[in-house]
Amino acid sequence: MLVTLKEILSIAETKKIAVGSFNTPNLASLRAIIGAAEALCQPVILMHAQVHEEMGLCTMEEVAPIMLAAAKKTSVPVCVHLDHGTDVEYIRRGLTLGFTGVMFDGSALPTEENFEKTKEVVRMAAETGASVEAEIGSMGSREGGNAADMEHPESIYTDPVMAKQFVEETGIDALACAFGTVHGLYVKEPKLDFDRLSEIDALVSVPLVMHGGSGVSEEDYRRVIARGIAKINYYTYMAKAGAEAINGKTFTQYHDIVRAATEAMQQNVAAAIRVFSGL
């Protein structure tokens, strides 16, 4: 069933779990995610990121109707979410298409501009009933690359006091916060600032979101969920599992490649959901 981001995060908070949020740049990914969620009877979030278009994977107009149709037919709660929208007009298009959650990423903007544009997105989303996630702080590299090996990563971590002000002034439904994770493949084990996350959780009134979720240890997943993380964005290692399933193998027909990659991605997604939901 199709639900909003706010509704699905309410489920996560009630159950004291995190909902997995997975990028769906193609039909194989979509089927892998839905297949895993239904098999485990767990809620899930399908995401389209603005960067998918920059990577030449798919356009929002192509994939949104497929994501929404799949969500409406599922036996579990599904949110269809627009991830890392850096352009307000791009997010407006997504809301028109029917996304039930949108993320405005103004983390690269000056603080005042991030506040103002986030408020604008919240006003827009209210017109369609969609929920809004926004970010203060930065996760470094964007999806599809390698995780940044920053010399002083704490310089861009989310400030707890600023996070409280951001949530209160903008009226967002979920906060993406930076506390040691980054997007992409990790070149070394991430070192998460759990104390910072606990402080943010104590100060803000909305569910927290962890980006750069792939590659984090099971123990660290449990620790961040206990500190308020209700949504975990996960894609890189799912995509890696699909690639590894076909790497070095010979196929005579393309659909066999798709099937093998889809099965591997579904297994990887299922393993992630089990950890996020404590199964």
C-alpha atoms as a PDB file:
ATOM      1  CA  MET A   1       0.000   0.000   0.000  1.00  0.00           C
ATOM      2  CA  LEU A   2       1.183   3.500  -0.803  1.00  0.00           C
ATOM      3  CA  VAL A   3       1.874   5.687   2.258  1.00  0.00           C
ATOM      4  CA  THR A   4       3.663   8.942   2.995  1.00  0.00           C
ATOM      5  CA  LEU A   5       7.143   9.263   4.449  1.00  0.00           C
ATOM      6  CA  LYS A   6       5.685  10.556   7.704  1.00  0.00           C
ATOM      7  CA  GLU A   7       3.353   7.552   7.957  1.00  0.00           C
ATOM      8  CA  ILE A   8       6.066   4.975   7.310  1.00  0.00           C
ATOM      9  CA  LEU A   9       8.463   6.609   9.775  1.00  0.00           C
ATOM     10  CA  SER A  10       5.708   6.547  12.378  1.00  0.00           C
ATOM     11  CA  ILE A  11       5.650   2.755  11.917  1.00  0.00           C
ATOM     12  CA  ALA A  12       9.413   2.669  12.425  1.00  0.00           C
ATOM     13  CA  GLU A  13       9.218   4.702  15.627  1.00  0.00           C
ATOM     14  CA  THR A  14       6.396   2.573  17.027  1.00  0.00           C
ATOM     15  CA  LYS A  15       8.285  -0.659  16.317  1.00  0.00           C
ATOM     16  CA  LYS A  16      11.661   0.872  17.291  1.00  0.00           C
ATOM     17  CA  ILE A  17      13.159  -0.160  13.960  1.00  0.00           C
ATOM     18  CA  ALA A  18      14.542   1.621  10.912  1.00  0.00           C
ATOM     19  CA  VAL A  19      12.883   1.415   7.513  1.00  0.00           C
ATOM     20  CA  GLY A  20      15.203   0.606   4.631  1.00  0.00           C
ATOM     21  CA  SER A  21      15.185   3.194   1.857  1.00  0.00           C
ATOM     22  CA  PHE A  22      16.536   1.868  -1.428  1.00  0.00           C
ATOM     23  CA  ASN A  23      17.309   3.540  -4.746  1.00  0.00           C
ATOM     24  CA  THR A  24      15.399   2.193  -7.743  1.00  0.00           C
ATOM     25  CA  PRO A  25      17.101   3.370 -10.946  1.00  0.00           C
ATOM     26  CA  ASN A  26      15.690   0.444 -12.950  1.00  0.00           C
ATOM     27  CA  LEU A  27      13.006  -2.255 -12.927  1.00  0.00           C
ATOM     28  CA  ALA A  28      15.416  -4.914 -11.655  1.00  0.00           C
ATOM     29  CA  SER A  29      16.144  -2.854  -8.530  1.00  0.00           C
ATOM     30  CA  LEU A  30      12.451  -2.180  -8.005  1.00  0.00           C
ATOM     31  CA  ARG A  31      11.550  -5.862  -8.175  1.00  0.00           C
ATOM     32  CA  ALA A  32      14.413  -6.815  -5.866  1.00  0.00           C
ATOM     33  CA  ILE A  33      13.315  -4.317  -3.215  1.00  0.00           C
ATOM     34  CA  ILE A  34       9.601  -5.099  -3.353  1.00  0.00           C
ATOM     35  CA  GLY A  35      10.320  -8.823  -3.437  1.00  0.00           C
ATOM     36  CA  ALA A  36      12.451  -8.628  -0.297  1.00  0.00           C
ATOM     37  CA  ALA A  37      10.015  -6.391   1.589  1.00  0.00           C
ATOM     38  CA  GLU A  38       7.005  -8.569   0.840  1.00  0.00           C
ATOM     39  CA  ALA A  39       8.863 -11.785   1.672  1.00  0.00           C
ATOM     40  CA  LEU A  40       9.768 -10.350   5.087  1.00  0.00           C
ATOM     41  CA  CYS A  41       6.452  -8.480   5.610  1.00  0.00           C
ATOM     42  CA  GLN A  42       8.307  -5.228   6.337  1.00  0.00           C
ATOM     43  CA  PRO A  43       7.668  -1.621   5.254  1.00  0.00           C
ATOM     44  CA  VAL A  44      10.039  -0.171   2.689  1.00  0.00           C
ATOM     45  CA  ILE A  45      10.874   3.073   0.904  1.00  0.00           C
ATOM     46  CA  LEU A  46      11.502   3.247  -2.847  1.00  0.00           C
ATOM     47  CA  MET A  47      13.705   6.161  -3.890  1.00  0.00           C
ATOM     48  CA  HIS A  48      14.526   8.042  -7.044  1.00  0.00           C
ATOM     49  CA  ALA A  49      17.497  10.393  -6.687  1.00  0.00           C
ATOM     50  CA  GLN A  50      18.033  13.465  -8.831  1.00  0.00           C
ATOM     51  CA  VAL A  51      21.582  12.264  -9.485  1.00  0.00           C
ATOM     52  CA  HIS A  52      20.172   9.218 -11.326  1.00  0.00           C
ATOM     53  CA  GLU A  53      19.329  11.542 -14.184  1.00  0.00           C
ATOM     54  CA  GLU A  54      22.798  13.076 -14.165  1.00  0.00           C
ATOM     55  CA  MET A  55      24.183   9.514 -14.374  1.00  0.00           C
ATOM     56  CA  GLY A  56      21.948   8.765 -17.384  1.00  0.00           C
ATOM     57  CA  LEU A  57      20.065   5.972 -15.584  1.00  0.00           C
ATOM     58  CA  CYS A  58      16.448   7.096 -15.815  1.00  0.00           C
ATOM     59  CA  THR A  59      14.304  10.209 -15.618  1.00  0.00           C
ATOM     60  CA  MET A  60      11.824  10.929 -12.876  1.00  0.00           C
ATOM     61  CA  GLU A  61       8.991  10.955 -15.388  1.00  0.00           C
ATOM     62  CA  GLU A  62       9.969   7.478 -16.611  1.00  0.00           C
ATOM     63  CA  VAL A  63      10.341   5.759 -13.269  1.00  0.00           C
ATOM     64  CA  ALA A  64       7.806   7.492 -10.977  1.00  0.00           C
ATOM     65  CA  PRO A  65       4.664   5.933 -12.511  1.00  0.00           C
ATOM     66  CA  ILE A  66       6.234   2.453 -12.237  1.00  0.00           C
ATOM     67  CA  MET A  67       7.284   3.021  -8.626  1.00  0.00           C
ATOM     68  CA  LEU A  68       3.844   4.330  -7.675  1.00  0.00           C
ATOM     69  CA  ALA A  69       2.007   1.484  -9.415  1.00  0.00           C
ATOM     70  CA  ALA A  70       4.184  -1.092  -7.660  1.00  0.00           C
ATOM     71  CA  ALA A  71       3.705   0.580  -4.275  1.00  0.00           C
ATOM     72  CA  LYS A  72      -0.083   0.589  -4.590  1.00  0.00           C
ATOM     73  CA  LYS A  73      -0.145  -3.162  -5.295  1.00  0.00           C
ATOM     74  CA  THR A  74       2.125  -4.297  -2.482  1.00  0.00           C
ATOM     75  CA  SER A  75       0.970  -6.022   0.680  1.00  0.00           C
ATOM     76  CA  VAL A  76       3.276  -3.909   2.883  1.00  0.00           C
ATOM     77  CA  PRO A  77       3.470  -0.125   3.466  1.00  0.00           C
ATOM     78  CA  VAL A  78       5.590   1.546   0.780  1.00  0.00           C
ATOM     79  CA  CYS A  79       6.633   5.188   0.484  1.00  0.00           C
ATOM     80  CA  VAL A  80       7.727   6.495  -2.914  1.00  0.00           C
ATOM     81  CA  HIS A  81      10.385   9.071  -2.142  1.00  0.00           C
ATOM     82  CA  LEU A  82      12.347  11.652  -4.134  1.00  0.00           C
ATOM     83  CA  ASP A  83      15.899  11.606  -2.783  1.00  0.00           C
ATOM     84  CA  HIS A  84      18.491  14.402  -2.758  1.00  0.00           C
ATOM     85  CA  GLY A  85      16.542  16.947  -4.756  1.00  0.00           C
ATOM     86  CA  THR A  86      18.827  19.959  -4.966  1.00  0.00           C
ATOM     87  CA  ASP A  87      16.521  21.999  -7.189  1.00  0.00           C
ATOM     88  CA  VAL A  88      13.195  23.282  -5.820  1.00  0.00           C
ATOM     89  CA  GLU A  89      11.573  23.151  -9.244  1.00  0.00           C
ATOM     90  CA  TYR A  90      12.720  19.552  -9.672  1.00  0.00           C
ATOM     91  CA  ILE A  91      10.998  18.690  -6.415  1.00  0.00           C
ATOM     92  CA  ARG A  92       7.871  20.490  -7.603  1.00  0.00           C
ATOM     93  CA  ARG A  93       7.798  18.182 -10.627  1.00  0.00           C
ATOM     94  CA  GLY A  94       8.135  15.186  -8.330  1.00  0.00           C
ATOM     95  CA  LEU A  95       5.221  16.299  -6.187  1.00  0.00           C
ATOM     96  CA  THR A  96       3.114  16.716  -9.306  1.00  0.00           C
ATOM     97  CA  LEU A  97       3.974  13.144 -10.327  1.00  0.00           C
ATOM     98  CA  GLY A  98       2.771  11.814  -6.973  1.00  0.00           C
ATOM     99  CA  PHE A  99       5.833  11.202  -4.791  1.00  0.00           C
ATOM    100  CA  THR A 100       4.636  10.768  -1.206  1.00  0.00           C
ATOM    101  CA  GLY A 101       7.939  11.895   0.271  1.00  0.00           C
ATOM    102  CA  VAL A 102      10.579  14.327  -0.973  1.00  0.00           C
ATOM    103  CA  MET A 103      14.018  15.235   0.277  1.00  0.00           C
ATOM    104  CA  PHE A 104      15.387  18.709  -0.274  1.00  0.00           C
ATOM    105  CA  ASP A 105      19.175  18.672  -0.070  1.00  0.00           C
ATOM    106  CA  GLY A 106      20.355  22.196   0.612  1.00  0.00           C
ATOM    107  CA  SER A 107      23.419  21.063   2.544  1.00  0.00           C
ATOM    108  CA  ALA A 108      25.782  22.713   0.052  1.00  0.00           C
ATOM    109  CA  LEU A 109      23.989  26.061   0.340  1.00  0.00           C
ATOM    110  CA  PRO A 110      24.644  28.860   2.820  1.00  0.00           C
ATOM    111  CA  THR A 111      22.696  28.129   6.011  1.00  0.00           C
ATOM    112  CA  GLU A 112      20.114  30.889   5.566  1.00  0.00           C
ATOM    113  CA  GLU A 113      19.368  29.820   1.993  1.00  0.00           C
ATOM    114  CA  ASN A 114      19.020  26.178   3.071  1.00  0.00           C
ATOM    115  CA  PHE A 115      16.461  27.259   5.688  1.00  0.00           C
ATOM    116  CA  GLU A 116      14.443  29.378   3.253  1.00  0.00           C
ATOM    117  CA  LYS A 117      14.374  26.862   0.406  1.00  0.00           C
ATOM    118  CA  THR A 118      13.492  24.044   2.800  1.00  0.00           C
ATOM    119  CA  LYS A 119      10.530  26.108   4.058  1.00  0.00           C
ATOM    120  CA  GLU A 120       9.443  26.606   0.456  1.00  0.00           C
ATOM    121  CA  VAL A 121       9.552  22.850  -0.186  1.00  0.00           C
ATOM    122  CA  VAL A 122       7.526  22.198   2.984  1.00  0.00           C
ATOM    123  CA  ARG A 123       4.840  24.617   1.753  1.00  0.00           C
ATOM    124  CA  MET A 124       4.783  22.940  -1.666  1.00  0.00           C
ATOM    125  CA  ALA A 125       4.569  19.431  -0.223  1.00  0.00           C
ATOM    126  CA  ALA A 126       1.650  20.406   2.028  1.00  0.00           C
ATOM    127  CA  GLU A 127      -0.424  21.034  -1.101  1.00  0.00           C
ATOM    128  CA  THR A 128      -0.185  17.355  -2.110  1.00  0.00           C
ATOM    129  CA  GLY A 129      -0.006  15.779   1.350  1.00  0.00           C
ATOM    130  CA  ALA A 130       3.583  14.615   0.864  1.00  0.00           C
ATOM    131  CA  SER A 131       6.182  14.573   3.640  1.00  0.00           C
ATOM    132  CA  VAL A 132       9.523  16.369   3.613  1.00  0.00           C
ATOM    133  CA  GLU A 133      13.006  15.248   4.618  1.00  0.00           C
ATOM    134  CA  ALA A 134      15.830  17.781   4.622  1.00  0.00           C
ATOM    135  CA  GLU A 135      19.501  17.858   5.505  1.00  0.00           C
ATOM    136  CA  ILE A 136      21.778  20.022   7.594  1.00  0.00           C
ATOM    137  CA  GLY A 137      25.423  19.043   7.707  1.00  0.00           C
ATOM    138  CA  SER A 138      26.894  17.034   4.838  1.00  0.00           C
ATOM    139  CA  MET A 139      27.518  13.397   3.932  1.00  0.00           C
ATOM    140  CA  GLY A 140      30.336  14.329   1.557  1.00  0.00           C
ATOM    141  CA  SER A 141      30.368  12.470  -1.775  1.00  0.00           C
ATOM    142  CA  ARG A 142      27.124  11.773  -3.586  1.00  0.00           C
ATOM    143  CA  GLU A 143      25.694   8.417  -4.635  1.00  0.00           C
ATOM    144  CA  GLY A 144      27.612   6.354  -7.119  1.00  0.00           C
ATOM    145  CA  GLY A 145      31.151   7.289  -6.077  1.00  0.00           C
ATOM    146  CA  ASN A 146      33.624   6.290  -3.405  1.00  0.00           C
ATOM    147  CA  ALA A 147      33.156   7.392   0.185  1.00  0.00           C
ATOM    148  CA  ALA A 148      35.264  10.426   0.929  1.00  0.00           C
ATOM    149  CA  ASP A 149      38.341  10.000   3.092  1.00  0.00           C
ATOM    150  CA  MET A 150      38.206  13.444   4.680  1.00  0.00           C
ATOM    151  CA  GLU A 151      41.007  14.700   6.893  1.00  0.00           C
ATOM    152  CA  HIS A 152      38.634  16.563   9.232  1.00  0.00           C
ATOM    153  CA  PRO A 153      35.148  15.093   8.656  1.00  0.00           C
ATOM    154  CA  GLU A 154      33.771  16.518  11.890  1.00  0.00           C
ATOM    155  CA  SER A 155      33.907  19.976  10.280  1.00  0.00           C
ATOM    156  CA  ILE A 156      30.798  19.149   8.235  1.00  0.00           C
ATOM    157  CA  TYR A 157      28.945  17.057  10.813  1.00  0.00           C
ATOM    158  CA  THR A 158      25.487  18.191  11.866  1.00  0.00           C
ATOM    159  CA  ASP A 159      25.512  20.634  14.761  1.00  0.00           C
ATOM    160  CA  PRO A 160      22.840  19.478  17.275  1.00  0.00           C
ATOM    161  CA  VAL A 161      21.728  22.983  18.264  1.00  0.00           C
ATOM    162  CA  MET A 162      21.501  24.058  14.635  1.00  0.00           C
ATOM    163  CA  ALA A 163      19.556  20.863  13.870  1.00  0.00           C
ATOM    164  CA  LYS A 164      16.972  21.786  16.523  1.00  0.00           C
ATOM    165  CA  GLN A 165      16.565  25.258  15.051  1.00  0.00           C
ATOM    166  CA  PHE A 166      16.362  23.854  11.517  1.00  0.00           C
ATOM    167  CA  VAL A 167      13.590  21.396  12.396  1.00  0.00           C
ATOM    168  CA  GLU A 168      11.573  23.930  14.388  1.00  0.00           C
ATOM    169  CA  GLU A 169      11.777  26.717  11.813  1.00  0.00           C
ATOM    170  CA  THR A 170      11.200  24.674   8.665  1.00  0.00           C
ATOM    171  CA  GLY A 171       8.533  22.210   9.826  1.00  0.00           C
ATOM    172  CA  ILE A 172      10.155  19.202   8.133  1.00  0.00           C
ATOM    173  CA  ASP A 173       9.008  15.645   8.860  1.00  0.00           C
ATOM    174  CA  ALA A 174      12.451  13.975   8.967  1.00  0.00           C
ATOM    175  CA  LEU A 175      16.023  15.155   9.397  1.00  0.00           C
ATOM    176  CA  ALA A 176      19.033  13.761   7.536  1.00  0.00           C
ATOM    177  CA  CYS A 177      22.041  14.304   9.755  1.00  0.00           C
ATOM    178  CA  ALA A 178      25.772  13.871   9.220  1.00  0.00           C
ATOM    179  CA  PHE A 179      27.617  11.987  11.960  1.00  0.00           C
ATOM    180  CA  GLY A 180      30.245   9.938  10.158  1.00  0.00           C
ATOM    181  CA  THR A 181      28.642   8.172   7.209  1.00  0.00           C
ATOM    182  CA  VAL A 182      29.146   9.194   3.593  1.00  0.00           C
ATOM    183  CA  HIS A 183      27.803   8.051   0.259  1.00  0.00           C
ATOM    184  CA  GLY A 184      29.395   5.346  -1.855  1.00  0.00           C
ATOM    185  CA  LEU A 185      31.885   2.537  -1.241  1.00  0.00           C
ATOM    186  CA  TYR A 186      33.830   2.870   1.998  1.00  0.00           C
ATOM    187  CA  VAL A 187      37.610   2.916   1.603  1.00  0.00           C
ATOM    188  CA  LYS A 188      37.908   2.188   5.326  1.00  0.00           C
ATOM    189  CA  GLU A 189      35.533   1.393   8.178  1.00  0.00           C
ATOM    190  CA  PRO A 190      33.419   4.441   9.044  1.00  0.00           C
ATOM    191  CA  LYS A 191      33.813   5.934  12.509  1.00  0.00           C
ATOM    192  CA  LEU A 192      30.434   7.147  13.668  1.00  0.00           C
ATOM    193  CA  ASP A 193      29.910   9.910  16.225  1.00  0.00           C
ATOM    194  CA  PHE A 194      27.276   8.218  18.398  1.00  0.00           C
ATOM    195  CA  ASP A 195      27.384  10.915  21.064  1.00  0.00           C
ATOM    196  CA  ARG A 196      26.571  13.568  18.485  1.00  0.00           C
ATOM    197  CA  LEU A 197      23.688  11.467  17.168  1.00  0.00           C
ATOM    198  CA  SER A 198      22.314  10.983  20.696  1.00  0.00           C
ATOM    199  CA  GLU A 199      22.457  14.724  21.284  1.00  0.00           C
ATOM    200  CA  ILE A 200      20.630  15.437  18.025  1.00  0.00           C
ATOM    201  CA  ASP A 201      17.967  12.874  18.912  1.00  0.00           C
ATOM    202  CA  ALA A 202      17.466  14.473  22.323  1.00  0.00           C
ATOM    203  CA  LEU A 203      16.992  17.931  20.822  1.00  0.00           C
ATOM    204  CA  VAL A 204      14.849  17.374  17.737  1.00  0.00           C
ATOM    205  CA  SER A 205      11.244  16.207  17.527  1.00  0.00           C
ATOM    206  CA  VAL A 206      11.269  14.344  14.196  1.00  0.00           C
ATOM    207  CA  PRO A 207      12.687  10.979  13.051  1.00  0.00           C
ATOM    208  CA  LEU A 208      16.327  10.956  11.995  1.00  0.00           C
ATOM    209  CA  VAL A 209      17.722   9.655   8.706  1.00  0.00           C
ATOM    210  CA  MET A 210      21.079   8.042   8.010  1.00  0.00           C
ATOM    211  CA  HIS A 211      22.469   8.440   4.500  1.00  0.00           C
ATOM    212  CA  GLY A 212      25.437   6.401   3.353  1.00  0.00           C
ATOM    213  CA  GLY A 213      24.024   3.317   5.061  1.00  0.00           C
ATOM    214  CA  SER A 214      25.764   0.685   2.944  1.00  0.00           C
ATOM    215  CA  GLY A 215      28.887  -0.805   4.497  1.00  0.00           C
ATOM    216  CA  VAL A 216      28.046  -0.020   8.129  1.00  0.00           C
ATOM    217  CA  SER A 217      28.437  -2.932  10.566  1.00  0.00           C
ATOM    218  CA  GLU A 218      25.404  -4.717  12.027  1.00  0.00           C
ATOM    219  CA  GLU A 219      26.369  -3.592  15.510  1.00  0.00           C
ATOM    220  CA  ASP A 220      26.590   0.032  14.408  1.00  0.00           C
ATOM    221  CA  TYR A 221      23.201  -0.233  12.696  1.00  0.00           C
ATOM    222  CA  ARG A 222      21.705  -1.351  15.999  1.00  0.00           C
ATOM    223  CA  ARG A 223      23.427   1.482  17.841  1.00  0.00           C
ATOM    224  CA  VAL A 224      22.181   4.210  15.497  1.00  0.00           C
ATOM    225  CA  ILE A 225      18.622   2.851  15.489  1.00  0.00           C
ATOM    226  CA  ALA A 226      18.648   3.000  19.286  1.00  0.00           C
ATOM    227  CA  ARG A 227      19.670   6.667  18.949  1.00  0.00           C
ATOM    228  CA  GLY A 228      16.758   7.785  16.781  1.00  0.00           C
ATOM    229  CA  ILE A 229      17.595   6.681  13.238  1.00  0.00           C
ATOM    230  CA  ALA A 230      14.286   5.623  11.660  1.00  0.00           C
ATOM    231  CA  LYS A 231      15.261   5.632   7.962  1.00  0.00           C
ATOM    232  CA  ILE A 232      18.442   4.192   6.485  1.00  0.00           C
ATOM    233  CA  ASN A 233      19.366   4.989   2.892  1.00  0.00           C
ATOM    234  CA  TYR A 234      21.009   1.989   1.279  1.00  0.00           C
ATOM    235  CA  TYR A 235      22.045   1.445  -2.335  1.00  0.00           C
ATOM    236  CA  THR A 236      25.754   1.032  -3.086  1.00  0.00           C
ATOM    237  CA  TYR A 237      26.239  -2.469  -1.689  1.00  0.00           C
ATOM    238  CA  MET A 238      22.946  -3.633  -3.174  1.00  0.00           C
ATOM    239  CA  ALA A 239      24.146  -2.520  -6.606  1.00  0.00           C
ATOM    240  CA  LYS A 240      27.538  -4.092  -5.911  1.00  0.00           C
ATOM    241  CA  ALA A 241      25.835  -7.438  -5.139  1.00  0.00           C
ATOM    242  CA  GLY A 242      24.053  -7.309  -8.489  1.00  0.00           C
ATOM    243  CA  ALA A 243      27.310  -6.647 -10.313  1.00  0.00           C
ATOM    244  CA  GLU A 244      29.162  -9.415  -8.500  1.00  0.00           C
ATOM    245  CA  ALA A 245      26.445 -11.919  -9.457  1.00  0.00           C
ATOM    246  CA  ILE A 246      27.257 -11.531 -13.142  1.00  0.00           C
ATOM    247  CA  ASN A 247      30.941 -10.579 -13.015  1.00  0.00           C
ATOM    248  CA  GLY A 248      33.141 -13.032 -14.917  1.00  0.00           C
ATOM    249  CA  LYS A 249      30.200 -15.146 -16.074  1.00  0.00           C
ATOM    250  CA  THR A 250      29.047 -15.832 -19.619  1.00  0.00           C
ATOM    251  CA  PHE A 251      25.408 -15.345 -20.584  1.00  0.00           C
ATOM    252  CA  THR A 252      23.800 -16.013 -23.944  1.00  0.00           C
ATOM    253  CA  GLN A 253      20.755 -13.804 -23.394  1.00  0.00           C
ATOM    254  CA  TYR A 254      20.387 -10.440 -21.725  1.00  0.00           C
ATOM    255  CA  HIS A 255      17.357 -11.392 -19.642  1.00  0.00           C
ATOM    256  CA  ASP A 256      19.454 -14.025 -17.871  1.00  0.00           C
ATOM    257  CA  ILE A 257      21.842 -11.270 -16.773  1.00  0.00           C
ATOM    258  CA  VAL A 258      18.946  -9.251 -15.408  1.00  0.00           C
ATOM    259  CA  ARG A 259      17.502 -12.252 -13.572  1.00  0.00           C
ATOM    260  CA  ALA A 260      20.807 -13.152 -11.919  1.00  0.00           C
ATOM    261  CA  ALA A 261      21.472  -9.567 -10.837  1.00  0.00           C
ATOM    262  CA  THR A 262      17.913  -9.135  -9.548  1.00  0.00           C
ATOM    263  CA  GLU A 263      18.093 -12.271  -7.417  1.00  0.00           C
ATOM    264  CA  ALA A 264      21.412 -11.204  -5.907  1.00  0.00           C
ATOM    265  CA  MET A 265      20.128  -7.705  -5.156  1.00  0.00           C
ATOM    266  CA  GLN A 266      16.987  -9.100  -3.549  1.00  0.00           C
ATOM    267  CA  GLN A 267      19.082 -11.278  -1.242  1.00  0.00           C
ATOM    268  CA  ASN A 268      21.225  -8.288  -0.307  1.00  0.00           C
ATOM    269  CA  VAL A 269      18.197  -6.071   0.343  1.00  0.00           C
ATOM    270  CA  ALA A 270      16.569  -8.798   2.436  1.00  0.00           C
ATOM    271  CA  ALA A 271      19.704  -9.098   4.572  1.00  0.00           C
ATOM    272  CA  ALA A 272      19.707  -5.326   5.131  1.00  0.00           C
ATOM    273  CA  ILE A 273      16.006  -5.246   6.029  1.00  0.00           C
ATOM    274  CA  ARG A 274      16.503  -8.062   8.543  1.00  0.00           C
ATOM    275  CA  VAL A 275      19.162  -6.009  10.325  1.00  0.00           C
ATOM    276  CA  PHE A 276      17.176  -2.749  10.186  1.00  0.00           C
ATOM    277  CA  SER A 277      14.036  -4.423  11.564  1.00  0.00           C
ATOM    278  CA  GLY A 278      15.746  -6.653  14.119  1.00  0.00           C
ATOM    279  CA  LEU A 279      14.605  -9.928  12.524  1.00  0.00           C
END
